[in-house]
Amino acid sequence: MTRGADPDLTEQARKLFAGPIEFLKSAPELKFIPDPDVPEIAFAGRSNVGKSSLLNVLTNRKGLARTSNTPGRTQELNFFDVGQPLQLRLVDMPGYGFAEAPKDLVKRWRHLMNDYLRGRAVLKRALVLVDSRHGLKEVDREMMCMLDDAAISYHLVLTKGDKVKPSALGALYETTAIEAAKHPAAHPSIFRTSSETGSGIAELRTAVLEAATS
C-alpha cells in the first residue's frame, strides 16, 4: 500500500498523537489565521467524506473535530495544536462540493482555501480525503489541481474503507494511484483508512509527522 515506515518514526507519531492536542481557533478569513510559527498539515475533502471522524480517530479524541450528518458544517479553517511543546498544527479545511450550499458561501470558501494554500509557507502537506464508496469526483480533481498550482505536496487518503469490499477497495486504490500519477504535487503514497476499525490510522499518523519534520 505504502512504502515501509521507519519504526522509530511510527512510535514517535504514536506518542505525539497520544499527548496534548487542543483546538486553537477558527478562521473565517485569512486575517484570523495564527502566526506561521510551526509546520501545518491541512485536511481537505468533499462534504460528508468523513473528515471530522478521521481527525478524531487520528488524534485519539472523540470530540476534537465536530461531526455531523449535515454536509458542509465546517465553514472555516479550524486549527489544532499538537504536542507540548508545540510540534505541529492540523488544519481542518471547509468541506467542498456541497451542492445545496449558497453560491456566495461556496465562493467565499473557495477563495479562503485558495488564499491559504497559496500563501502559507509553513504548510508542509495536504491530505485530500476521498470516500472509498464513491472514488474521485470532479470536485476532488479540482482540489488536486488547486494544490498542484500552489505547489503543495499532498497525499490522497481513502476514507470509510470498511464500507466497501476488500476487492473493491483494492481496485479503487489502483485506479486512484493511476490518476494521482498524473498530478505533479500528488505524493505517491496513498492511504486506505477506516475511522470505524482504525485501519491505516497508524500509517497516516506517521506520514503526518514525517511531512511536518521533513
N, C-alpha and C. Protein backbone atom coordinates (compact mmCIF):
# COMPACT_ATOMS: atom_id res chain seq x y z
N MET A 1 0.84 -1.20 0.00
CA MET A 1 0.00 0.00 0.00
C MET A 1 0.86 1.24 0.00
N THR A 2 1.75 1.34 0.99
CA THR A 2 2.70 2.44 1.06
C THR A 2 4.05 1.84 1.41
N ARG A 3 5.08 2.61 1.18
CA ARG A 3 6.41 2.09 1.49
C ARG A 3 6.55 1.91 2.99
N GLY A 4 7.45 1.03 3.40
CA GLY A 4 7.63 0.74 4.80
C GLY A 4 8.05 1.96 5.59
N ALA A 5 7.39 2.20 6.72
CA ALA A 5 7.69 3.36 7.55
C ALA A 5 8.78 3.02 8.55
N ASP A 6 9.53 4.01 8.97
CA ASP A 6 10.55 3.86 9.98
C ASP A 6 9.86 3.54 11.31
N PRO A 7 10.18 2.39 11.93
CA PRO A 7 9.53 2.03 13.20
C PRO A 7 9.71 3.10 14.28
N ASP A 8 10.87 3.73 14.32
CA ASP A 8 11.10 4.78 15.32
C ASP A 8 10.18 5.97 15.09
N LEU A 9 10.01 6.34 13.82
CA LEU A 9 9.12 7.46 13.49
C LEU A 9 7.67 7.10 13.80
N THR A 10 7.31 5.85 13.55
CA THR A 10 5.96 5.40 13.86
C THR A 10 5.68 5.49 15.35
N GLU A 11 6.66 5.13 16.17
CA GLU A 11 6.49 5.21 17.62
C GLU A 11 6.44 6.67 18.07
N GLN A 12 7.26 7.52 17.46
CA GLN A 12 7.22 8.95 17.79
C GLN A 12 5.84 9.52 17.47
N ALA A 13 5.29 9.11 16.32
CA ALA A 13 3.96 9.60 15.92
C ALA A 13 2.90 9.11 16.89
N ARG A 14 3.01 7.85 17.32
CA ARG A 14 2.03 7.31 18.27
C ARG A 14 2.04 8.12 19.56
N LYS A 15 3.24 8.39 20.07
CA LYS A 15 3.36 9.14 21.32
C LYS A 15 2.87 10.58 21.15
N LEU A 16 3.20 11.18 20.02
CA LEU A 16 2.79 12.56 19.78
C LEU A 16 1.28 12.69 19.79
N PHE A 17 0.59 11.79 19.08
CA PHE A 17 -0.86 11.89 18.98
C PHE A 17 -1.58 11.32 20.20
N ALA A 18 -0.83 10.70 21.11
CA ALA A 18 -1.40 10.28 22.39
C ALA A 18 -1.27 11.37 23.43
N GLY A 19 -0.51 12.42 23.10
CA GLY A 19 -0.25 13.52 24.02
C GLY A 19 -1.22 14.67 23.84
N PRO A 20 -0.83 15.85 24.34
CA PRO A 20 -1.72 17.02 24.30
C PRO A 20 -2.05 17.47 22.88
N ILE A 21 -3.35 17.62 22.61
CA ILE A 21 -3.85 18.16 21.35
C ILE A 21 -5.02 19.06 21.69
N GLU A 22 -4.98 20.29 21.20
CA GLU A 22 -6.02 21.25 21.57
C GLU A 22 -6.51 22.02 20.36
N PHE A 23 -7.79 22.34 20.37
CA PHE A 23 -8.34 23.26 19.38
C PHE A 23 -7.78 24.64 19.66
N LEU A 24 -7.24 25.29 18.62
CA LEU A 24 -6.67 26.62 18.79
C LEU A 24 -7.67 27.71 18.41
N LYS A 25 -8.14 27.70 17.17
CA LYS A 25 -9.07 28.73 16.74
C LYS A 25 -9.67 28.40 15.39
N SER A 26 -10.78 29.10 15.07
CA SER A 26 -11.37 29.04 13.75
C SER A 26 -11.11 30.36 13.04
N ALA A 27 -10.86 30.28 11.74
CA ALA A 27 -10.55 31.48 10.97
C ALA A 27 -11.50 31.57 9.77
N PRO A 28 -12.50 32.46 9.84
CA PRO A 28 -13.40 32.63 8.71
C PRO A 28 -12.77 33.42 7.57
N GLU A 29 -11.69 34.14 7.89
CA GLU A 29 -10.96 34.92 6.90
C GLU A 29 -9.47 34.76 7.15
N LEU A 30 -8.67 35.07 6.12
CA LEU A 30 -7.23 34.87 6.20
C LEU A 30 -6.59 35.68 7.33
N LYS A 31 -7.15 36.83 7.62
CA LYS A 31 -6.55 37.72 8.63
C LYS A 31 -6.64 37.13 10.04
N PHE A 32 -7.46 36.09 10.22
CA PHE A 32 -7.62 35.50 11.54
C PHE A 32 -6.75 34.26 11.77
N ILE A 33 -6.02 33.82 10.76
CA ILE A 33 -5.22 32.59 10.94
C ILE A 33 -4.04 32.86 11.87
N PRO A 34 -3.56 31.85 12.59
CA PRO A 34 -2.46 32.05 13.55
C PRO A 34 -1.14 32.36 12.85
N ASP A 35 -0.22 32.87 13.63
CA ASP A 35 1.11 33.17 13.09
C ASP A 35 1.74 31.89 12.53
N PRO A 36 2.49 32.00 11.45
CA PRO A 36 3.11 30.81 10.83
C PRO A 36 4.38 30.40 11.55
N ASP A 37 4.22 29.84 12.76
CA ASP A 37 5.39 29.55 13.59
C ASP A 37 5.69 28.06 13.75
N VAL A 38 4.80 27.18 13.25
CA VAL A 38 5.07 25.74 13.31
C VAL A 38 4.56 25.10 12.02
N PRO A 39 5.05 23.90 11.69
CA PRO A 39 4.59 23.21 10.48
C PRO A 39 3.09 22.90 10.56
N GLU A 40 2.43 22.96 9.41
CA GLU A 40 1.00 22.67 9.35
C GLU A 40 0.71 21.58 8.33
N ILE A 41 -0.29 20.76 8.65
CA ILE A 41 -0.80 19.72 7.76
C ILE A 41 -2.29 19.98 7.59
N ALA A 42 -2.72 20.16 6.34
CA ALA A 42 -4.12 20.51 6.08
C ALA A 42 -4.92 19.30 5.62
N PHE A 43 -6.18 19.24 6.04
CA PHE A 43 -7.11 18.18 5.66
C PHE A 43 -8.19 18.76 4.77
N ALA A 44 -8.35 18.20 3.58
CA ALA A 44 -9.35 18.67 2.64
C ALA A 44 -10.19 17.49 2.17
N GLY A 45 -11.42 17.78 1.78
CA GLY A 45 -12.26 16.70 1.28
C GLY A 45 -13.67 17.18 1.01
N ARG A 46 -14.39 16.40 0.22
CA ARG A 46 -15.78 16.72 -0.06
C ARG A 46 -16.61 16.67 1.22
N SER A 47 -17.69 17.42 1.23
CA SER A 47 -18.60 17.39 2.37
C SER A 47 -19.07 15.96 2.62
N ASN A 48 -19.07 15.56 3.89
CA ASN A 48 -19.52 14.24 4.32
C ASN A 48 -18.57 13.12 3.92
N VAL A 49 -17.29 13.44 3.68
CA VAL A 49 -16.31 12.43 3.32
C VAL A 49 -15.79 11.69 4.55
N GLY A 50 -16.10 12.22 5.74
CA GLY A 50 -15.62 11.62 6.98
C GLY A 50 -14.40 12.30 7.54
N LYS A 51 -14.24 13.57 7.21
CA LYS A 51 -13.04 14.31 7.63
C LYS A 51 -12.96 14.48 9.14
N SER A 52 -14.08 14.90 9.74
CA SER A 52 -14.09 15.10 11.19
C SER A 52 -13.86 13.79 11.94
N SER A 53 -14.49 12.72 11.46
CA SER A 53 -14.30 11.41 12.10
C SER A 53 -12.85 10.96 12.00
N LEU A 54 -12.22 11.20 10.84
CA LEU A 54 -10.82 10.82 10.68
C LEU A 54 -9.92 11.63 11.60
N LEU A 55 -10.19 12.94 11.70
CA LEU A 55 -9.40 13.78 12.60
C LEU A 55 -9.53 13.31 14.04
N ASN A 56 -10.73 12.93 14.43
CA ASN A 56 -10.94 12.47 15.81
C ASN A 56 -10.19 11.18 16.10
N VAL A 57 -10.25 10.22 15.20
CA VAL A 57 -9.56 8.95 15.46
C VAL A 57 -8.05 9.11 15.31
N LEU A 58 -7.62 9.99 14.42
CA LEU A 58 -6.19 10.24 14.24
C LEU A 58 -5.58 10.81 15.51
N THR A 59 -6.35 11.67 16.19
CA THR A 59 -5.85 12.34 17.38
C THR A 59 -6.29 11.67 18.68
N ASN A 60 -6.91 10.49 18.56
CA ASN A 60 -7.37 9.76 19.75
C ASN A 60 -8.35 10.58 20.58
N ARG A 61 -9.14 11.41 19.94
CA ARG A 61 -10.13 12.23 20.64
C ARG A 61 -11.51 11.95 20.05
N LYS A 62 -12.51 11.90 20.90
CA LYS A 62 -13.86 11.64 20.40
C LYS A 62 -14.53 12.90 19.85
N GLY A 63 -14.20 14.05 20.41
CA GLY A 63 -14.91 15.25 20.01
C GLY A 63 -14.03 16.41 19.62
N LEU A 64 -12.80 16.14 19.19
CA LEU A 64 -11.90 17.24 18.82
C LEU A 64 -12.47 18.00 17.63
N ALA A 65 -12.81 17.27 16.58
CA ALA A 65 -13.47 17.87 15.41
C ALA A 65 -14.93 17.50 15.45
N ARG A 66 -15.79 18.44 15.22
CA ARG A 66 -17.22 18.18 15.27
C ARG A 66 -17.64 17.33 14.08
N THR A 67 -18.47 16.33 14.37
CA THR A 67 -19.02 15.50 13.29
C THR A 67 -20.50 15.81 13.16
N SER A 68 -20.99 15.66 11.97
CA SER A 68 -22.39 15.97 11.72
C SER A 68 -22.88 15.20 10.51
N ASN A 69 -24.14 14.86 10.52
CA ASN A 69 -24.74 14.25 9.33
C ASN A 69 -25.12 15.31 8.30
N THR A 70 -24.96 16.57 8.68
CA THR A 70 -25.28 17.66 7.76
C THR A 70 -24.03 18.06 6.99
N PRO A 71 -23.96 17.80 5.69
CA PRO A 71 -22.78 18.17 4.92
C PRO A 71 -22.57 19.68 4.93
N GLY A 72 -21.29 20.08 4.87
CA GLY A 72 -20.97 21.49 4.77
C GLY A 72 -20.93 22.22 6.10
N ARG A 73 -20.83 21.46 7.21
CA ARG A 73 -20.85 22.11 8.52
C ARG A 73 -19.57 22.91 8.76
N THR A 74 -18.42 22.40 8.33
CA THR A 74 -17.17 23.11 8.50
C THR A 74 -17.09 24.23 7.47
N GLN A 75 -17.18 25.48 7.92
CA GLN A 75 -17.20 26.62 7.02
C GLN A 75 -16.00 27.54 7.20
N GLU A 76 -15.08 27.16 8.06
CA GLU A 76 -13.92 27.98 8.34
C GLU A 76 -12.68 27.10 8.36
N LEU A 77 -11.52 27.72 8.44
CA LEU A 77 -10.29 26.99 8.68
C LEU A 77 -10.16 26.77 10.18
N ASN A 78 -10.12 25.51 10.63
CA ASN A 78 -10.00 25.20 12.04
C ASN A 78 -8.61 24.67 12.35
N PHE A 79 -7.95 25.27 13.34
CA PHE A 79 -6.56 24.95 13.66
C PHE A 79 -6.48 24.21 14.99
N PHE A 80 -5.68 23.13 15.00
CA PHE A 80 -5.48 22.31 16.19
C PHE A 80 -3.99 22.19 16.50
N ASP A 81 -3.62 22.52 17.73
CA ASP A 81 -2.22 22.42 18.17
C ASP A 81 -1.92 21.00 18.63
N VAL A 82 -0.79 20.47 18.16
CA VAL A 82 -0.40 19.10 18.51
C VAL A 82 0.96 19.13 19.21
N GLY A 83 1.00 18.54 20.41
CA GLY A 83 2.26 18.40 21.13
C GLY A 83 2.47 19.47 22.18
N GLN A 84 3.19 19.11 23.24
CA GLN A 84 3.60 20.04 24.28
C GLN A 84 5.04 19.73 24.68
N PRO A 85 6.01 20.53 24.22
CA PRO A 85 5.84 21.79 23.48
C PRO A 85 5.25 21.56 22.08
N LEU A 86 4.69 22.62 21.53
CA LEU A 86 4.00 22.57 20.25
C LEU A 86 4.93 22.08 19.14
N GLN A 87 4.47 21.04 18.39
CA GLN A 87 5.28 20.49 17.31
C GLN A 87 4.70 20.75 15.93
N LEU A 88 3.37 20.74 15.82
CA LEU A 88 2.74 20.97 14.52
C LEU A 88 1.29 21.35 14.72
N ARG A 89 0.67 21.81 13.63
CA ARG A 89 -0.76 22.12 13.66
C ARG A 89 -1.48 21.34 12.57
N LEU A 90 -2.67 20.88 12.90
CA LEU A 90 -3.57 20.29 11.93
C LEU A 90 -4.58 21.35 11.53
N VAL A 91 -4.89 21.41 10.26
CA VAL A 91 -5.81 22.42 9.75
C VAL A 91 -6.97 21.72 9.05
N ASP A 92 -8.16 21.88 9.62
CA ASP A 92 -9.37 21.31 9.04
C ASP A 92 -9.97 22.34 8.09
N MET A 93 -9.94 22.05 6.80
CA MET A 93 -10.42 22.98 5.79
C MET A 93 -11.91 22.76 5.51
N PRO A 94 -12.60 23.78 5.02
CA PRO A 94 -14.04 23.62 4.72
C PRO A 94 -14.29 22.51 3.72
N GLY A 95 -15.32 21.71 3.96
CA GLY A 95 -15.71 20.69 3.00
C GLY A 95 -16.17 21.33 1.71
N TYR A 96 -15.86 20.71 0.60
CA TYR A 96 -16.23 21.29 -0.69
C TYR A 96 -17.19 20.35 -1.43
N GLY A 97 -17.82 20.89 -2.47
CA GLY A 97 -18.68 20.06 -3.31
C GLY A 97 -20.08 19.86 -2.77
N PHE A 98 -20.49 20.67 -1.81
CA PHE A 98 -21.84 20.54 -1.26
C PHE A 98 -22.79 21.38 -2.10
N ALA A 99 -23.56 20.75 -2.95
CA ALA A 99 -24.36 21.45 -3.96
C ALA A 99 -25.42 22.35 -3.36
N GLU A 100 -25.91 22.03 -2.14
CA GLU A 100 -27.00 22.80 -1.58
C GLU A 100 -26.56 24.07 -0.85
N ALA A 101 -25.25 24.26 -0.71
CA ALA A 101 -24.76 25.47 -0.07
C ALA A 101 -24.98 26.67 -0.99
N PRO A 102 -25.29 27.84 -0.41
CA PRO A 102 -25.47 29.03 -1.24
C PRO A 102 -24.21 29.34 -2.05
N LYS A 103 -24.42 29.79 -3.28
CA LYS A 103 -23.29 30.00 -4.18
C LYS A 103 -22.29 31.01 -3.64
N ASP A 104 -22.78 32.07 -2.97
CA ASP A 104 -21.86 33.07 -2.44
C ASP A 104 -21.01 32.48 -1.32
N LEU A 105 -21.59 31.55 -0.55
CA LEU A 105 -20.85 30.90 0.52
C LEU A 105 -19.78 29.97 -0.06
N VAL A 106 -20.15 29.21 -1.08
CA VAL A 106 -19.19 28.33 -1.75
C VAL A 106 -18.03 29.15 -2.32
N LYS A 107 -18.35 30.28 -2.91
CA LYS A 107 -17.32 31.16 -3.48
C LYS A 107 -16.38 31.65 -2.39
N ARG A 108 -16.95 32.02 -1.24
CA ARG A 108 -16.12 32.51 -0.13
C ARG A 108 -15.21 31.41 0.39
N TRP A 109 -15.75 30.17 0.53
CA TRP A 109 -14.92 29.04 0.96
C TRP A 109 -13.76 28.83 0.00
N ARG A 110 -14.08 28.87 -1.28
CA ARG A 110 -13.05 28.59 -2.29
C ARG A 110 -11.93 29.63 -2.24
N HIS A 111 -12.32 30.89 -2.10
CA HIS A 111 -11.30 31.95 -2.01
C HIS A 111 -10.46 31.78 -0.76
N LEU A 112 -11.11 31.44 0.35
CA LEU A 112 -10.38 31.25 1.61
C LEU A 112 -9.36 30.12 1.47
N MET A 113 -9.78 28.98 0.93
CA MET A 113 -8.87 27.85 0.76
C MET A 113 -7.74 28.18 -0.20
N ASN A 114 -8.09 28.83 -1.31
CA ASN A 114 -7.08 29.15 -2.31
C ASN A 114 -6.04 30.12 -1.75
N ASP A 115 -6.49 31.15 -1.03
CA ASP A 115 -5.57 32.12 -0.45
C ASP A 115 -4.68 31.47 0.61
N TYR A 116 -5.28 30.60 1.41
CA TYR A 116 -4.48 29.90 2.44
C TYR A 116 -3.42 29.01 1.79
N LEU A 117 -3.82 28.23 0.80
CA LEU A 117 -2.89 27.29 0.17
C LEU A 117 -1.73 28.01 -0.52
N ARG A 118 -2.03 29.12 -1.16
CA ARG A 118 -1.01 29.81 -1.94
C ARG A 118 -0.07 30.65 -1.07
N GLY A 119 -0.52 31.02 0.12
CA GLY A 119 0.29 31.96 0.89
C GLY A 119 0.84 31.44 2.20
N ARG A 120 0.76 30.15 2.43
CA ARG A 120 1.15 29.60 3.74
C ARG A 120 2.46 28.85 3.64
N ALA A 121 3.54 29.51 3.99
CA ALA A 121 4.87 28.91 3.85
C ALA A 121 5.07 27.71 4.78
N VAL A 122 4.37 27.67 5.91
CA VAL A 122 4.57 26.57 6.87
C VAL A 122 3.71 25.35 6.55
N LEU A 123 2.87 25.45 5.51
CA LEU A 123 2.05 24.30 5.12
C LEU A 123 2.93 23.25 4.45
N LYS A 124 3.15 22.15 5.15
CA LYS A 124 4.08 21.13 4.68
C LYS A 124 3.42 20.11 3.75
N ARG A 125 2.15 19.81 4.00
CA ARG A 125 1.47 18.83 3.17
C ARG A 125 -0.04 18.94 3.38
N ALA A 126 -0.78 18.54 2.37
CA ALA A 126 -2.23 18.44 2.49
C ALA A 126 -2.65 16.98 2.36
N LEU A 127 -3.74 16.65 2.97
CA LEU A 127 -4.34 15.33 2.83
C LEU A 127 -5.70 15.52 2.16
N VAL A 128 -5.86 14.93 0.99
CA VAL A 128 -7.13 15.02 0.26
C VAL A 128 -7.90 13.74 0.49
N LEU A 129 -9.00 13.84 1.22
CA LEU A 129 -9.77 12.66 1.59
C LEU A 129 -10.78 12.31 0.49
N VAL A 130 -10.85 11.01 0.19
CA VAL A 130 -11.72 10.51 -0.87
C VAL A 130 -12.56 9.36 -0.30
N ASP A 131 -13.86 9.46 -0.43
CA ASP A 131 -14.77 8.44 0.07
C ASP A 131 -14.59 7.15 -0.75
N SER A 132 -14.25 6.07 -0.07
CA SER A 132 -14.00 4.79 -0.76
C SER A 132 -15.23 4.26 -1.47
N ARG A 133 -16.41 4.69 -1.07
CA ARG A 133 -17.65 4.21 -1.71
C ARG A 133 -17.89 4.87 -3.06
N HIS A 134 -17.23 6.01 -3.28
CA HIS A 134 -17.52 6.78 -4.49
C HIS A 134 -16.30 7.06 -5.37
N GLY A 135 -15.10 7.02 -4.77
CA GLY A 135 -13.91 7.32 -5.56
C GLY A 135 -13.77 8.81 -5.86
N LEU A 136 -12.79 9.14 -6.69
CA LEU A 136 -12.53 10.53 -7.04
C LEU A 136 -13.69 11.13 -7.83
N LYS A 137 -14.12 12.30 -7.41
CA LYS A 137 -15.14 13.06 -8.12
C LYS A 137 -14.49 14.28 -8.76
N GLU A 138 -15.24 14.95 -9.61
CA GLU A 138 -14.69 16.11 -10.31
C GLU A 138 -14.22 17.19 -9.34
N VAL A 139 -14.96 17.38 -8.22
CA VAL A 139 -14.56 18.39 -7.24
C VAL A 139 -13.24 18.00 -6.56
N ASP A 140 -12.99 16.68 -6.41
CA ASP A 140 -11.70 16.23 -5.87
C ASP A 140 -10.58 16.57 -6.84
N ARG A 141 -10.82 16.36 -8.11
CA ARG A 141 -9.82 16.68 -9.12
C ARG A 141 -9.53 18.18 -9.16
N GLU A 142 -10.57 18.97 -8.92
CA GLU A 142 -10.38 20.43 -8.87
C GLU A 142 -9.48 20.80 -7.70
N MET A 143 -9.70 20.16 -6.55
CA MET A 143 -8.85 20.41 -5.39
C MET A 143 -7.42 19.97 -5.66
N MET A 144 -7.26 18.82 -6.32
CA MET A 144 -5.92 18.34 -6.66
C MET A 144 -5.21 19.33 -7.58
N CYS A 145 -5.93 19.88 -8.54
CA CYS A 145 -5.34 20.87 -9.45
C CYS A 145 -4.99 22.15 -8.70
N MET A 146 -5.82 22.53 -7.73
CA MET A 146 -5.54 23.72 -6.92
C MET A 146 -4.24 23.52 -6.14
N LEU A 147 -4.06 22.32 -5.60
CA LEU A 147 -2.83 22.01 -4.86
C LEU A 147 -1.63 21.92 -5.80
N ASP A 148 -1.84 21.36 -6.99
CA ASP A 148 -0.78 21.33 -7.99
C ASP A 148 -0.31 22.75 -8.30
N ASP A 149 -1.27 23.64 -8.54
CA ASP A 149 -0.94 25.01 -8.90
C ASP A 149 -0.23 25.75 -7.78
N ALA A 150 -0.60 25.41 -6.53
CA ALA A 150 0.02 26.05 -5.37
C ALA A 150 1.33 25.38 -4.97
N ALA A 151 1.68 24.29 -5.68
CA ALA A 151 2.90 23.52 -5.39
C ALA A 151 2.91 23.01 -3.95
N ILE A 152 1.74 22.54 -3.49
CA ILE A 152 1.62 21.94 -2.16
C ILE A 152 1.54 20.43 -2.32
N SER A 153 2.52 19.71 -1.78
CA SER A 153 2.51 18.26 -1.85
C SER A 153 1.33 17.70 -1.06
N TYR A 154 0.68 16.66 -1.60
CA TYR A 154 -0.47 16.11 -0.91
C TYR A 154 -0.56 14.60 -1.06
N HIS A 155 -1.14 13.97 -0.02
CA HIS A 155 -1.49 12.56 -0.05
C HIS A 155 -2.97 12.42 -0.36
N LEU A 156 -3.34 11.41 -1.11
CA LEU A 156 -4.74 11.02 -1.23
C LEU A 156 -5.02 9.99 -0.14
N VAL A 157 -6.12 10.17 0.56
CA VAL A 157 -6.49 9.29 1.67
C VAL A 157 -7.88 8.74 1.41
N LEU A 158 -7.98 7.44 1.23
CA LEU A 158 -9.28 6.80 1.02
C LEU A 158 -9.93 6.56 2.38
N THR A 159 -11.10 7.16 2.60
CA THR A 159 -11.80 7.04 3.87
C THR A 159 -12.90 5.98 3.77
N LYS A 160 -13.41 5.59 4.95
CA LYS A 160 -14.54 4.65 5.04
C LYS A 160 -14.25 3.34 4.32
N GLY A 161 -13.01 2.87 4.46
CA GLY A 161 -12.61 1.63 3.80
C GLY A 161 -13.37 0.41 4.28
N ASP A 162 -13.98 0.49 5.46
CA ASP A 162 -14.76 -0.63 5.98
C ASP A 162 -16.13 -0.73 5.32
N LYS A 163 -16.51 0.27 4.54
CA LYS A 163 -17.83 0.30 3.93
C LYS A 163 -17.88 -0.40 2.56
N VAL A 164 -16.72 -0.81 2.07
CA VAL A 164 -16.67 -1.49 0.77
C VAL A 164 -15.93 -2.82 0.91
N LYS A 165 -16.14 -3.71 -0.02
CA LYS A 165 -15.45 -5.00 -0.01
C LYS A 165 -13.96 -4.79 -0.26
N PRO A 166 -13.11 -5.65 0.33
CA PRO A 166 -11.67 -5.52 0.12
C PRO A 166 -11.27 -5.51 -1.35
N SER A 167 -11.93 -6.31 -2.16
CA SER A 167 -11.59 -6.34 -3.59
C SER A 167 -11.90 -5.01 -4.26
N ALA A 168 -13.03 -4.40 -3.88
CA ALA A 168 -13.41 -3.10 -4.43
C ALA A 168 -12.46 -2.02 -3.95
N LEU A 169 -12.03 -2.12 -2.70
CA LEU A 169 -11.09 -1.13 -2.16
C LEU A 169 -9.74 -1.24 -2.86
N GLY A 170 -9.32 -2.47 -3.13
CA GLY A 170 -8.07 -2.68 -3.84
C GLY A 170 -8.12 -2.12 -5.25
N ALA A 171 -9.24 -2.34 -5.93
CA ALA A 171 -9.40 -1.82 -7.28
C ALA A 171 -9.42 -0.30 -7.28
N LEU A 172 -10.09 0.30 -6.28
CA LEU A 172 -10.14 1.76 -6.17
C LEU A 172 -8.75 2.32 -5.91
N TYR A 173 -7.99 1.62 -5.07
CA TYR A 173 -6.62 2.06 -4.79
C TYR A 173 -5.81 2.13 -6.08
N GLU A 174 -5.93 1.11 -6.91
CA GLU A 174 -5.15 1.06 -8.15
C GLU A 174 -5.55 2.19 -9.11
N THR A 175 -6.84 2.42 -9.27
CA THR A 175 -7.29 3.48 -10.19
C THR A 175 -6.93 4.86 -9.64
N THR A 176 -6.97 5.00 -8.31
CA THR A 176 -6.60 6.27 -7.69
C THR A 176 -5.12 6.54 -7.88
N ALA A 177 -4.30 5.50 -7.75
CA ALA A 177 -2.85 5.66 -7.93
C ALA A 177 -2.53 6.07 -9.37
N ILE A 178 -3.24 5.51 -10.33
CA ILE A 178 -3.03 5.87 -11.74
C ILE A 178 -3.36 7.34 -11.96
N GLU A 179 -4.47 7.79 -11.36
CA GLU A 179 -4.86 9.18 -11.51
C GLU A 179 -3.88 10.11 -10.79
N ALA A 180 -3.45 9.71 -9.60
CA ALA A 180 -2.53 10.55 -8.83
C ALA A 180 -1.22 10.77 -9.59
N ALA A 181 -0.79 9.75 -10.34
CA ALA A 181 0.47 9.86 -11.08
C ALA A 181 0.44 10.96 -12.13
N LYS A 182 -0.75 11.42 -12.49
CA LYS A 182 -0.88 12.48 -13.49
C LYS A 182 -0.74 13.87 -12.88
N HIS A 183 -0.70 13.94 -11.55
CA HIS A 183 -0.67 15.23 -10.85
C HIS A 183 0.71 15.46 -10.23
N PRO A 184 1.36 16.56 -10.57
CA PRO A 184 2.75 16.78 -10.13
C PRO A 184 2.93 16.90 -8.62
N ALA A 185 1.91 17.39 -7.89
CA ALA A 185 2.08 17.57 -6.45
C ALA A 185 1.57 16.39 -5.63
N ALA A 186 0.98 15.40 -6.29
CA ALA A 186 0.45 14.23 -5.56
C ALA A 186 1.59 13.33 -5.10
N HIS A 187 1.63 13.04 -3.82
CA HIS A 187 2.63 12.13 -3.27
C HIS A 187 2.27 10.70 -3.68
N PRO A 188 3.25 9.87 -3.99
CA PRO A 188 2.92 8.51 -4.44
C PRO A 188 2.29 7.62 -3.37
N SER A 189 2.48 7.95 -2.09
CA SER A 189 1.88 7.14 -1.03
C SER A 189 0.42 7.50 -0.85
N ILE A 190 -0.45 6.51 -1.02
CA ILE A 190 -1.88 6.67 -0.85
C ILE A 190 -2.31 5.80 0.33
N PHE A 191 -3.22 6.32 1.15
CA PHE A 191 -3.60 5.62 2.36
C PHE A 191 -5.05 5.13 2.31
N ARG A 192 -5.25 3.90 2.73
CA ARG A 192 -6.59 3.32 2.87
C ARG A 192 -6.92 3.30 4.36
N THR A 193 -7.98 3.98 4.75
CA THR A 193 -8.27 4.14 6.17
C THR A 193 -9.72 3.82 6.50
N SER A 194 -9.95 3.60 7.78
CA SER A 194 -11.30 3.45 8.31
C SER A 194 -11.33 4.05 9.72
N SER A 195 -12.18 5.03 9.93
CA SER A 195 -12.33 5.60 11.27
C SER A 195 -13.03 4.64 12.20
N GLU A 196 -13.78 3.69 11.65
CA GLU A 196 -14.51 2.72 12.45
C GLU A 196 -13.59 1.63 13.01
N THR A 197 -12.72 1.10 12.15
CA THR A 197 -11.85 -0.01 12.56
C THR A 197 -10.45 0.44 12.95
N GLY A 198 -10.06 1.66 12.58
CA GLY A 198 -8.72 2.14 12.85
C GLY A 198 -7.70 1.73 11.81
N SER A 199 -8.15 1.07 10.77
CA SER A 199 -7.24 0.63 9.71
C SER A 199 -6.56 1.82 9.04
N GLY A 200 -5.24 1.72 8.90
CA GLY A 200 -4.47 2.74 8.21
C GLY A 200 -4.16 3.98 9.02
N ILE A 201 -4.69 4.07 10.25
CA ILE A 201 -4.52 5.29 11.03
C ILE A 201 -3.08 5.46 11.51
N ALA A 202 -2.44 4.39 11.98
CA ALA A 202 -1.06 4.49 12.45
C ALA A 202 -0.14 4.94 11.32
N GLU A 203 -0.37 4.40 10.13
CA GLU A 203 0.44 4.78 8.97
C GLU A 203 0.23 6.25 8.62
N LEU A 204 -1.00 6.71 8.74
CA LEU A 204 -1.29 8.11 8.41
C LEU A 204 -0.67 9.05 9.45
N ARG A 205 -0.72 8.67 10.72
CA ARG A 205 -0.06 9.47 11.75
C ARG A 205 1.43 9.63 11.45
N THR A 206 2.04 8.53 11.08
CA THR A 206 3.46 8.54 10.76
C THR A 206 3.76 9.46 9.58
N ALA A 207 2.91 9.41 8.56
CA ALA A 207 3.09 10.25 7.38
C ALA A 207 2.94 11.73 7.73
N VAL A 208 2.01 12.03 8.63
CA VAL A 208 1.82 13.42 9.07
C VAL A 208 3.07 13.94 9.76
N LEU A 209 3.61 13.15 10.68
CA LEU A 209 4.80 13.57 11.40
C LEU A 209 5.99 13.67 10.46
N GLU A 210 6.12 12.71 9.55
CA GLU A 210 7.22 12.74 8.60
C GLU A 210 7.18 14.01 7.74
N ALA A 211 5.97 14.36 7.27
CA ALA A 211 5.83 15.55 6.44
C ALA A 211 6.15 16.82 7.23
N ALA A 212 5.71 16.84 8.48
CA ALA A 212 5.91 18.03 9.32
C ALA A 212 7.37 18.26 9.66
N THR A 213 8.14 17.19 9.74
CA THR A 213 9.54 17.30 10.16
C THR A 213 10.53 17.22 9.02
N SER A 214 10.05 17.06 7.81
CA SER A 214 10.98 16.94 6.67
C SER A 214 11.41 18.31 6.16
